[in-house]
Each structure stands twice: as C-alpha cells, then as structure tokens.
Amino acid sequence: MTQSSEPVRPLDCDGAFQRLFDFLDKELDAATEQALLAHVQHCKSCFDRAEFERRFKAAVCASRKAQGCPEELRSRVMQALSAEGLGR
C-alpha cells in the first residue's frame, strides 16, 4: 500500500478503471481506496466491471492453487498482458 499526503479528488469512471487492479491487489492508499469505493458504489457500470474483475481474479487464483500453470502458458499470458500495457 502506498502512502500519500495529497487529498484525493473524487474519481470518474476512467480514474476508477485506472486504479481498479491496484485496488484488487490491495495496493492503494486508504484515501484513494475510499474514493474508488465511493465511485463504484454509485456507478453501476463501474460496479459491474469491478465485480467481474474481482470474481475473475478469484477464479484464476483458485484454479492456480488447484493445479499448476505450465510455464509456456504463463509466458504467453504475460506477453499478451504486456502487449496491452497491463504487465508489470
């Protein structure tokens, strides 16, 4: 979780989406997390997206724990995510 002393402005849909994956990974500071939650609670589209991503991540994690992922598949997925600007 990062720390920030600057006040966080309310988020719009783009801002919420940009921070969604950090939120799901619990990497937001408390103020940004609260701003994202406030937006998602009042925006059906963002709520639906956040809920889908949360469930998808949970399913992937559960599947990964149940059975290992072949390294070749992991590499291909990471390359695809990177090509979309989503890799780390």
PDB file of N, CA and C in Angstrom:
ATOM      1  N   MET A   1       0.836  -1.163   0.000  1.00  0.00           N
ATOM      2  CA  MET A   1       0.000   0.000   0.000  1.00  0.00           C
ATOM      3  C   MET A   1       0.886   1.234   0.000  1.00  0.00           C
ATOM      4  N   THR A   2       0.577   2.185  -0.851  1.00  0.00           N
ATOM      5  CA  THR A   2       1.372   3.397  -0.929  1.00  0.00           C
ATOM      6  C   THR A   2       0.797   4.455  -0.016  1.00  0.00           C
ATOM      7  N   GLN A   3       1.624   5.385   0.376  1.00  0.00           N
ATOM      8  CA  GLN A   3       1.207   6.491   1.231  1.00  0.00           C
ATOM      9  C   GLN A   3       1.192   7.769   0.419  1.00  0.00           C
ATOM     10  N   SER A   4       0.230   8.621   0.699  1.00  0.00           N
ATOM     11  CA  SER A   4       0.133   9.893   0.007  1.00  0.00           C
ATOM     12  C   SER A   4      -0.402  10.922   0.979  1.00  0.00           C
ATOM     13  N   SER A   5       0.196  12.116   0.974  1.00  0.00           N
ATOM     14  CA  SER A   5      -0.292  13.172   1.849  1.00  0.00           C
ATOM     15  C   SER A   5      -1.223  14.119   1.100  1.00  0.00           C
ATOM     16  N   GLU A   6      -1.338  13.962  -0.220  1.00  0.00           N
ATOM     17  CA  GLU A   6      -2.207  14.821  -1.007  1.00  0.00           C
ATOM     18  C   GLU A   6      -3.643  14.346  -0.910  1.00  0.00           C
ATOM     19  N   PRO A   7      -4.597  15.301  -0.841  1.00  0.00           N
ATOM     20  CA  PRO A   7      -6.004  14.883  -0.826  1.00  0.00           C
ATOM     21  C   PRO A   7      -6.378  14.245  -2.165  1.00  0.00           C
ATOM     22  N   VAL A   8      -7.261  13.277  -2.109  1.00  0.00           N
ATOM     23  CA  VAL A   8      -7.686  12.570  -3.311  1.00  0.00           C
ATOM     24  C   VAL A   8      -9.017  13.132  -3.760  1.00  0.00           C
ATOM     25  N   ARG A   9      -9.080  13.531  -5.033  1.00  0.00           N
ATOM     26  CA  ARG A   9     -10.335  14.037  -5.593  1.00  0.00           C
ATOM     27  C   ARG A   9     -11.254  12.875  -5.923  1.00  0.00           C
ATOM     28  N   PRO A  10     -12.562  13.139  -5.983  1.00  0.00           N
ATOM     29  CA  PRO A  10     -13.487  12.070  -6.402  1.00  0.00           C
ATOM     30  C   PRO A  10     -13.070  11.519  -7.762  1.00  0.00           C
ATOM     31  N   LEU A  11     -13.292  10.243  -7.951  1.00  0.00           N
ATOM     32  CA  LEU A  11     -12.900   9.591  -9.192  1.00  0.00           C
ATOM     33  C   LEU A  11     -14.045   9.562 -10.189  1.00  0.00           C
ATOM     34  N   ASP A  12     -13.701   9.692 -11.471  1.00  0.00           N
ATOM     35  CA  ASP A  12     -14.666   9.443 -12.537  1.00  0.00           C
ATOM     36  C   ASP A  12     -14.446   8.007 -13.005  1.00  0.00           C
ATOM     37  N   CYS A  13     -15.177   7.583 -14.014  1.00  0.00           N
ATOM     38  CA  CYS A  13     -15.072   6.194 -14.489  1.00  0.00           C
ATOM     39  C   CYS A  13     -13.658   5.854 -14.959  1.00  0.00           C
ATOM     40  N   ASP A  14     -13.020   6.760 -15.697  1.00  0.00           N
ATOM     41  CA  ASP A  14     -11.655   6.485 -16.163  1.00  0.00           C
ATOM     42  C   ASP A  14     -10.689   6.341 -14.995  1.00  0.00           C
ATOM     43  N   GLY A  15     -10.803   7.221 -14.017  1.00  0.00           N
ATOM     44  CA  GLY A  15      -9.930   7.155 -12.844  1.00  0.00           C
ATOM     45  C   GLY A  15     -10.152   5.889 -12.049  1.00  0.00           C
ATOM     46  N   ALA A  16     -11.411   5.483 -11.922  1.00  0.00           N
ATOM     47  CA  ALA A  16     -11.727   4.254 -11.196  1.00  0.00           C
ATOM     48  C   ALA A  16     -11.138   3.049 -11.926  1.00  0.00           C
ATOM     49  N   PHE A  17     -11.308   3.003 -13.237  1.00  0.00           N
ATOM     50  CA  PHE A  17     -10.775   1.876 -14.001  1.00  0.00           C
ATOM     51  C   PHE A  17      -9.248   1.822 -13.916  1.00  0.00           C
ATOM     52  N   GLN A  18      -8.591   2.982 -13.988  1.00  0.00           N
ATOM     53  CA  GLN A  18      -7.128   3.009 -13.926  1.00  0.00           C
ATOM     54  C   GLN A  18      -6.600   2.469 -12.599  1.00  0.00           C
ATOM     55  N   ARG A  19      -7.380   2.585 -11.547  1.00  0.00           N
ATOM     56  CA  ARG A  19      -6.930   2.148 -10.226  1.00  0.00           C
ATOM     57  C   ARG A  19      -7.539   0.816  -9.790  1.00  0.00           C
ATOM     58  N   LEU A  20      -8.418   0.254 -10.609  1.00  0.00           N
ATOM     59  CA  LEU A  20      -9.148  -0.945 -10.222  1.00  0.00           C
ATOM     60  C   LEU A  20      -8.238  -2.116  -9.873  1.00  0.00           C
ATOM     61  N   PHE A  21      -7.240  -2.384 -10.685  1.00  0.00           N
ATOM     62  CA  PHE A  21      -6.397  -3.545 -10.447  1.00  0.00           C
ATOM     63  C   PHE A  21      -5.494  -3.332  -9.228  1.00  0.00           C
ATOM     64  N   ASP A  22      -5.057  -2.111  -8.997  1.00  0.00           N
ATOM     65  CA  ASP A  22      -4.308  -1.829  -7.768  1.00  0.00           C
ATOM     66  C   ASP A  22      -5.215  -2.018  -6.555  1.00  0.00           C
ATOM     67  N   PHE A  23      -6.480  -1.641  -6.688  1.00  0.00           N
ATOM     68  CA  PHE A  23      -7.444  -1.853  -5.611  1.00  0.00           C
ATOM     69  C   PHE A  23      -7.605  -3.344  -5.326  1.00  0.00           C
ATOM     70  N   LEU A  24      -7.805  -4.131  -6.370  1.00  0.00           N
ATOM     71  CA  LEU A  24      -7.992  -5.574  -6.189  1.00  0.00           C
ATOM     72  C   LEU A  24      -6.764  -6.243  -5.587  1.00  0.00           C
ATOM     73  N   ASP A  25      -5.599  -5.670  -5.853  1.00  0.00           N
ATOM     74  CA  ASP A  25      -4.354  -6.199  -5.300  1.00  0.00           C
ATOM     75  C   ASP A  25      -4.007  -5.571  -3.952  1.00  0.00           C
ATOM     76  N   LYS A  26      -4.915  -4.725  -3.434  1.00  0.00           N
ATOM     77  CA  LYS A  26      -4.723  -4.049  -2.141  1.00  0.00           C
ATOM     78  C   LYS A  26      -3.454  -3.202  -2.121  1.00  0.00           C
ATOM     79  N   GLU A  27      -3.239  -2.438  -3.197  1.00  0.00           N
ATOM     80  CA  GLU A  27      -2.045  -1.614  -3.319  1.00  0.00           C
ATOM     81  C   GLU A  27      -2.340  -0.116  -3.289  1.00  0.00           C
ATOM     82  N   LEU A  28      -3.547   0.271  -2.929  1.00  0.00           N
ATOM     83  CA  LEU A  28      -3.904   1.688  -2.868  1.00  0.00           C
ATOM     84  C   LEU A  28      -3.769   2.227  -1.453  1.00  0.00           C
ATOM     85  N   ASP A  29      -3.476   3.522  -1.346  1.00  0.00           N
ATOM     86  CA  ASP A  29      -3.522   4.146  -0.034  1.00  0.00           C
ATOM     87  C   ASP A  29      -4.993   4.265   0.375  1.00  0.00           C
ATOM     88  N   ALA A  30      -5.230   4.474   1.648  1.00  0.00           N
ATOM     89  CA  ALA A  30      -6.589   4.465   2.195  1.00  0.00           C
ATOM     90  C   ALA A  30      -7.496   5.498   1.533  1.00  0.00           C
ATOM     91  N   ALA A  31      -6.996   6.699   1.267  1.00  0.00           N
ATOM     92  CA  ALA A  31      -7.824   7.753   0.683  1.00  0.00           C
ATOM     93  C   ALA A  31      -8.242   7.405  -0.742  1.00  0.00           C
ATOM     94  N   THR A  32      -7.328   6.876  -1.535  1.00  0.00           N
ATOM     95  CA  THR A  32      -7.655   6.500  -2.908  1.00  0.00           C
ATOM     96  C   THR A  32      -8.608   5.317  -2.921  1.00  0.00           C
ATOM     97  N   GLU A  33      -8.402   4.375  -2.010  1.00  0.00           N
ATOM     98  CA  GLU A  33      -9.305   3.239  -1.905  1.00  0.00           C
ATOM     99  C   GLU A  33     -10.725   3.714  -1.587  1.00  0.00           C
ATOM    100  N   GLN A  34     -10.852   4.653  -0.660  1.00  0.00           N
ATOM    101  CA  GLN A  34     -12.171   5.169  -0.309  1.00  0.00           C
ATOM    102  C   GLN A  34     -12.811   5.913  -1.485  1.00  0.00           C
ATOM    103  N   ALA A  35     -12.018   6.669  -2.253  1.00  0.00           N
ATOM    104  CA  ALA A  35     -12.538   7.375  -3.423  1.00  0.00           C
ATOM    105  C   ALA A  35     -13.034   6.385  -4.472  1.00  0.00           C
ATOM    106  N   LEU A  36     -12.290   5.313  -4.679  1.00  0.00           N
ATOM    107  CA  LEU A  36     -12.708   4.302  -5.648  1.00  0.00           C
ATOM    108  C   LEU A  36     -13.986   3.611  -5.181  1.00  0.00           C
ATOM    109  N   LEU A  37     -14.037   3.231  -3.919  1.00  0.00           N
ATOM    110  CA  LEU A  37     -15.230   2.585  -3.385  1.00  0.00           C
ATOM    111  C   LEU A  37     -16.454   3.498  -3.487  1.00  0.00           C
ATOM    112  N   ALA A  38     -16.270   4.768  -3.205  1.00  0.00           N
ATOM    113  CA  ALA A  38     -17.384   5.718  -3.297  1.00  0.00           C
ATOM    114  C   ALA A  38     -17.901   5.793  -4.722  1.00  0.00           C
ATOM    115  N   HIS A  39     -16.995   5.829  -5.696  1.00  0.00           N
ATOM    116  CA  HIS A  39     -17.418   5.893  -7.100  1.00  0.00           C
ATOM    117  C   HIS A  39     -18.148   4.611  -7.495  1.00  0.00           C
ATOM    118  N   VAL A  40     -17.555   3.473  -7.171  1.00  0.00           N
ATOM    119  CA  VAL A  40     -18.123   2.184  -7.576  1.00  0.00           C
ATOM    120  C   VAL A  40     -19.495   1.957  -6.945  1.00  0.00           C
ATOM    121  N   GLN A  41     -19.703   2.441  -5.738  1.00  0.00           N
ATOM    122  CA  GLN A  41     -20.994   2.268  -5.075  1.00  0.00           C
ATOM    123  C   GLN A  41     -22.113   3.035  -5.776  1.00  0.00           C
ATOM    124  N   HIS A  42     -21.757   4.090  -6.518  1.00  0.00           N
ATOM    125  CA  HIS A  42     -22.775   4.915  -7.169  1.00  0.00           C
ATOM    126  C   HIS A  42     -22.802   4.787  -8.682  1.00  0.00           C
ATOM    127  N   CYS A  43     -21.916   3.989  -9.254  1.00  0.00           N
ATOM    128  CA  CYS A  43     -21.844   3.843 -10.710  1.00  0.00           C
ATOM    129  C   CYS A  43     -22.033   2.368 -11.065  1.00  0.00           C
ATOM    130  N   LYS A  44     -23.185   2.033 -11.607  1.00  0.00           N
ATOM    131  CA  LYS A  44     -23.499   0.633 -11.916  1.00  0.00           C
ATOM    132  C   LYS A  44     -22.495   0.029 -12.892  1.00  0.00           C
ATOM    133  N   SER A  45     -22.123   0.785 -13.909  1.00  0.00           N
ATOM    134  CA  SER A  45     -21.178   0.273 -14.895  1.00  0.00           C
ATOM    135  C   SER A  45     -19.841  -0.093 -14.237  1.00  0.00           C
ATOM    136  N   CYS A  46     -19.328   0.793 -13.410  1.00  0.00           N
ATOM    137  CA  CYS A  46     -18.054   0.525 -12.740  1.00  0.00           C
ATOM    138  C   CYS A  46     -18.199  -0.575 -11.696  1.00  0.00           C
ATOM    139  N   PHE A  47     -19.349  -0.607 -11.012  1.00  0.00           N
ATOM    140  CA  PHE A  47     -19.587  -1.687 -10.055  1.00  0.00           C
ATOM    141  C   PHE A  47     -19.562  -3.033 -10.766  1.00  0.00           C
ATOM    142  N   ASP A  48     -20.281  -3.118 -11.894  1.00  0.00           N
ATOM    143  CA  ASP A  48     -20.320  -4.369 -12.650  1.00  0.00           C
ATOM    144  C   ASP A  48     -18.924  -4.778 -13.101  1.00  0.00           C
ATOM    145  N   ARG A  49     -18.135  -3.825 -13.584  1.00  0.00           N
ATOM    146  CA  ARG A  49     -16.770  -4.112 -14.043  1.00  0.00           C
ATOM    147  C   ARG A  49     -15.900  -4.580 -12.881  1.00  0.00           C
ATOM    148  N   ALA A  50     -15.983  -3.865 -11.762  1.00  0.00           N
ATOM    149  CA  ALA A  50     -15.179  -4.214 -10.589  1.00  0.00           C
ATOM    150  C   ALA A  50     -15.557  -5.605 -10.078  1.00  0.00           C
ATOM    151  N   GLU A  51     -16.845  -5.896 -10.054  1.00  0.00           N
ATOM    152  CA  GLU A  51     -17.297  -7.200  -9.577  1.00  0.00           C
ATOM    153  C   GLU A  51     -16.838  -8.315 -10.516  1.00  0.00           C
ATOM    154  N   PHE A  52     -16.911  -8.073 -11.825  1.00  0.00           N
ATOM    155  CA  PHE A  52     -16.425  -9.069 -12.781  1.00  0.00           C
ATOM    156  C   PHE A  52     -14.935  -9.327 -12.568  1.00  0.00           C
ATOM    157  N   GLU A  53     -14.151  -8.258 -12.486  1.00  0.00           N
ATOM    158  CA  GLU A  53     -12.699  -8.411 -12.330  1.00  0.00           C
ATOM    159  C   GLU A  53     -12.364  -9.106 -11.008  1.00  0.00           C
ATOM    160  N   ARG A  54     -13.103  -8.789  -9.936  1.00  0.00           N
ATOM    161  CA  ARG A  54     -12.868  -9.412  -8.645  1.00  0.00           C
ATOM    162  C   ARG A  54     -13.132 -10.921  -8.735  1.00  0.00           C
ATOM    163  N   ARG A  55     -14.254 -11.275  -9.344  1.00  0.00           N
ATOM    164  CA  ARG A  55     -14.600 -12.699  -9.478  1.00  0.00           C
ATOM    165  C   ARG A  55     -13.629 -13.424 -10.408  1.00  0.00           C
ATOM    166  N   PHE A  56     -13.229 -12.761 -11.482  1.00  0.00           N
ATOM    167  CA  PHE A  56     -12.280 -13.358 -12.424  1.00  0.00           C
ATOM    168  C   PHE A  56     -10.950 -13.633 -11.722  1.00  0.00           C
ATOM    169  N   LYS A  57     -10.463 -12.649 -10.984  1.00  0.00           N
ATOM    170  CA  LYS A  57      -9.200 -12.822 -10.271  1.00  0.00           C
ATOM    171  C   LYS A  57      -9.309 -13.962  -9.262  1.00  0.00           C
ATOM    172  N   ALA A  58     -10.420 -14.026  -8.542  1.00  0.00           N
ATOM    173  CA  ALA A  58     -10.619 -15.094  -7.563  1.00  0.00           C
ATOM    174  C   ALA A  58     -10.632 -16.461  -8.244  1.00  0.00           C
ATOM    175  N   ALA A  59     -11.280 -16.548  -9.409  1.00  0.00           N
ATOM    176  CA  ALA A  59     -11.334 -17.819 -10.134  1.00  0.00           C
ATOM    177  C   ALA A  59      -9.952 -18.230 -10.627  1.00  0.00           C
ATOM    178  N   VAL A  60      -9.192 -17.271 -11.135  1.00  0.00           N
ATOM    179  CA  VAL A  60      -7.837 -17.570 -11.604  1.00  0.00           C
ATOM    180  C   VAL A  60      -6.968 -18.031 -10.438  1.00  0.00           C
ATOM    181  N   CYS A  61      -7.066 -17.338  -9.311  1.00  0.00           N
ATOM    182  CA  CYS A  61      -6.267 -17.724  -8.140  1.00  0.00           C
ATOM    183  C   CYS A  61      -6.654 -19.112  -7.646  1.00  0.00           C
ATOM    184  N   ALA A  62      -7.946 -19.391  -7.601  1.00  0.00           N
ATOM    185  CA  ALA A  62      -8.406 -20.706  -7.149  1.00  0.00           C
ATOM    186  C   ALA A  62      -7.934 -21.799  -8.101  1.00  0.00           C
ATOM    187  N   SER A  63      -8.003 -21.526  -9.390  1.00  0.00           N
ATOM    188  CA  SER A  63      -7.560 -22.502 -10.385  1.00  0.00           C
ATOM    189  C   SER A  63      -6.062 -22.737 -10.279  1.00  0.00           C
ATOM    190  N   ARG A  64      -5.330 -21.676 -10.075  1.00  0.00           N
ATOM    191  CA  ARG A  64      -3.875 -21.779  -9.973  1.00  0.00           C
ATOM    192  C   ARG A  64      -3.479 -22.610  -8.759  1.00  0.00           C
ATOM    193  N   LYS A  65      -4.218 -22.449  -7.679  1.00  0.00           N
ATOM    194  CA  LYS A  65      -3.917 -23.227  -6.484  1.00  0.00           C
ATOM    195  C   LYS A  65      -4.283 -24.694  -6.674  1.00  0.00           C
ATOM    196  N   ALA A  66      -5.351 -24.942  -7.435  1.00  0.00           N
ATOM    197  CA  ALA A  66      -5.815 -26.307  -7.650  1.00  0.00           C
ATOM    198  C   ALA A  66      -4.881 -27.087  -8.578  1.00  0.00           C
ATOM    199  N   GLN A  67      -4.355 -26.398  -9.554  1.00  0.00           N
ATOM    200  CA  GLN A  67      -3.451 -27.049 -10.498  1.00  0.00           C
ATOM    201  C   GLN A  67      -2.444 -26.025 -10.996  1.00  0.00           C
ATOM    202  N   GLY A  68      -1.230 -26.450 -11.175  1.00  0.00           N
ATOM    203  CA  GLY A  68      -0.193 -25.540 -11.629  1.00  0.00           C
ATOM    204  C   GLY A  68      -0.415 -25.088 -13.064  1.00  0.00           C
ATOM    205  N   CYS A  69       0.156 -23.982 -13.386  1.00  0.00           N
ATOM    206  CA  CYS A  69       0.074 -23.437 -14.737  1.00  0.00           C
ATOM    207  C   CYS A  69       1.380 -23.773 -15.466  1.00  0.00           C
ATOM    208  N   PRO A  70       1.286 -24.374 -16.652  1.00  0.00           N
ATOM    209  CA  PRO A  70       2.512 -24.647 -17.406  1.00  0.00           C
ATOM    210  C   PRO A  70       3.265 -23.343 -17.695  1.00  0.00           C
ATOM    211  N   GLU A  71       4.567 -23.386 -17.596  1.00  0.00           N
ATOM    212  CA  GLU A  71       5.383 -22.185 -17.791  1.00  0.00           C
ATOM    213  C   GLU A  71       5.157 -21.562 -19.167  1.00  0.00           C
ATOM    214  N   GLU A  72       4.964 -22.384 -20.195  1.00  0.00           N
ATOM    215  CA  GLU A  72       4.728 -21.852 -21.544  1.00  0.00           C
ATOM    216  C   GLU A  72       3.452 -21.015 -21.587  1.00  0.00           C
ATOM    217  N   LEU A  73       2.397 -21.488 -20.959  1.00  0.00           N
ATOM    218  CA  LEU A  73       1.142 -20.742 -20.911  1.00  0.00           C
ATOM    219  C   LEU A  73       1.316 -19.454 -20.122  1.00  0.00           C
ATOM    220  N   ARG A  74       1.981 -19.542 -18.979  1.00  0.00           N
ATOM    221  CA  ARG A  74       2.217 -18.351 -18.167  1.00  0.00           C
ATOM    222  C   ARG A  74       2.979 -17.302 -18.974  1.00  0.00           C
ATOM    223  N   SER A  75       3.986 -17.731 -19.698  1.00  0.00           N
ATOM    224  CA  SER A  75       4.780 -16.816 -20.513  1.00  0.00           C
ATOM    225  C   SER A  75       3.932 -16.152 -21.593  1.00  0.00           C
ATOM    226  N   ARG A  76       3.067 -16.930 -22.249  1.00  0.00           N
ATOM    227  CA  ARG A  76       2.208 -16.369 -23.305  1.00  0.00           C
ATOM    228  C   ARG A  76       1.215 -15.370 -22.730  1.00  0.00           C
ATOM    229  N   VAL A  77       0.649 -15.672 -21.574  1.00  0.00           N
ATOM    230  CA  VAL A  77      -0.295 -14.748 -20.941  1.00  0.00           C
ATOM    231  C   VAL A  77       0.413 -13.450 -20.548  1.00  0.00           C
ATOM    232  N   MET A  78       1.585 -13.574 -19.950  1.00  0.00           N
ATOM    233  CA  MET A  78       2.332 -12.379 -19.542  1.00  0.00           C
ATOM    234  C   MET A  78       2.725 -11.528 -20.752  1.00  0.00           C
ATOM    235  N   GLN A  79       3.085 -12.158 -21.858  1.00  0.00           N
ATOM    236  CA  GLN A  79       3.413 -11.413 -23.076  1.00  0.00           C
ATOM    237  C   GLN A  79       2.189 -10.681 -23.602  1.00  0.00           C
ATOM    238  N   ALA A  80       1.035 -11.350 -23.591  1.00  0.00           N
ATOM    239  CA  ALA A  80      -0.201 -10.719 -24.060  1.00  0.00           C
ATOM    240  C   ALA A  80      -0.581  -9.543 -23.169  1.00  0.00           C
ATOM    241  N   LEU A  81      -0.458  -9.699 -21.862  1.00  0.00           N
ATOM    242  CA  LEU A  81      -0.761  -8.595 -20.943  1.00  0.00           C
ATOM    243  C   LEU A  81       0.197  -7.429 -21.161  1.00  0.00           C
ATOM    244  N   SER A  82       1.454  -7.741 -21.332  1.00  0.00           N
ATOM    245  CA  SER A  82       2.456  -6.709 -21.574  1.00  0.00           C
ATOM    246  C   SER A  82       2.175  -5.947 -22.861  1.00  0.00           C
ATOM    247  N   ALA A  83       1.771  -6.669 -23.892  1.00  0.00           N
ATOM    248  CA  ALA A  83       1.451  -6.036 -25.183  1.00  0.00           C
ATOM    249  C   ALA A  83       0.269  -5.079 -25.046  1.00  0.00           C
ATOM    250  N   GLU A  84      -0.608  -5.339 -24.076  1.00  0.00           N
ATOM    251  CA  GLU A  84      -1.755  -4.465 -23.832  1.00  0.00           C
ATOM    252  C   GLU A  84      -1.426  -3.380 -22.810  1.00  0.00           C
ATOM    253  N   GLY A  85      -0.190  -3.340 -22.355  1.00  0.00           N
ATOM    254  CA  GLY A  85       0.212  -2.331 -21.365  1.00  0.00           C
ATOM    255  C   GLY A  85      -0.218  -2.673 -19.947  1.00  0.00           C
ATOM    256  N   LEU A  86      -0.542  -3.945 -19.695  1.00  0.00           N
ATOM    257  CA  LEU A  86      -1.034  -4.349 -18.379  1.00  0.00           C
ATOM    258  C   LEU A  86      -0.028  -5.155 -17.582  1.00  0.00           C
ATOM    259  N   GLY A  87       1.069  -5.523 -18.178  1.00  0.00           N
ATOM    260  CA  GLY A  87       2.061  -6.326 -17.466  1.00  0.00           C
ATOM    261  C   GLY A  87       2.871  -5.504 -16.498  1.00  0.00           C
ATOM    262  N   ARG A  88       3.538  -6.192 -15.604  1.00  0.00           N
ATOM    263  CA  ARG A  88       4.354  -5.484 -14.600  1.00  0.00           C
ATOM    264  C   ARG A  88       5.799  -5.625 -14.921  1.00  0.00           C
TER     265      ARG A  88
END
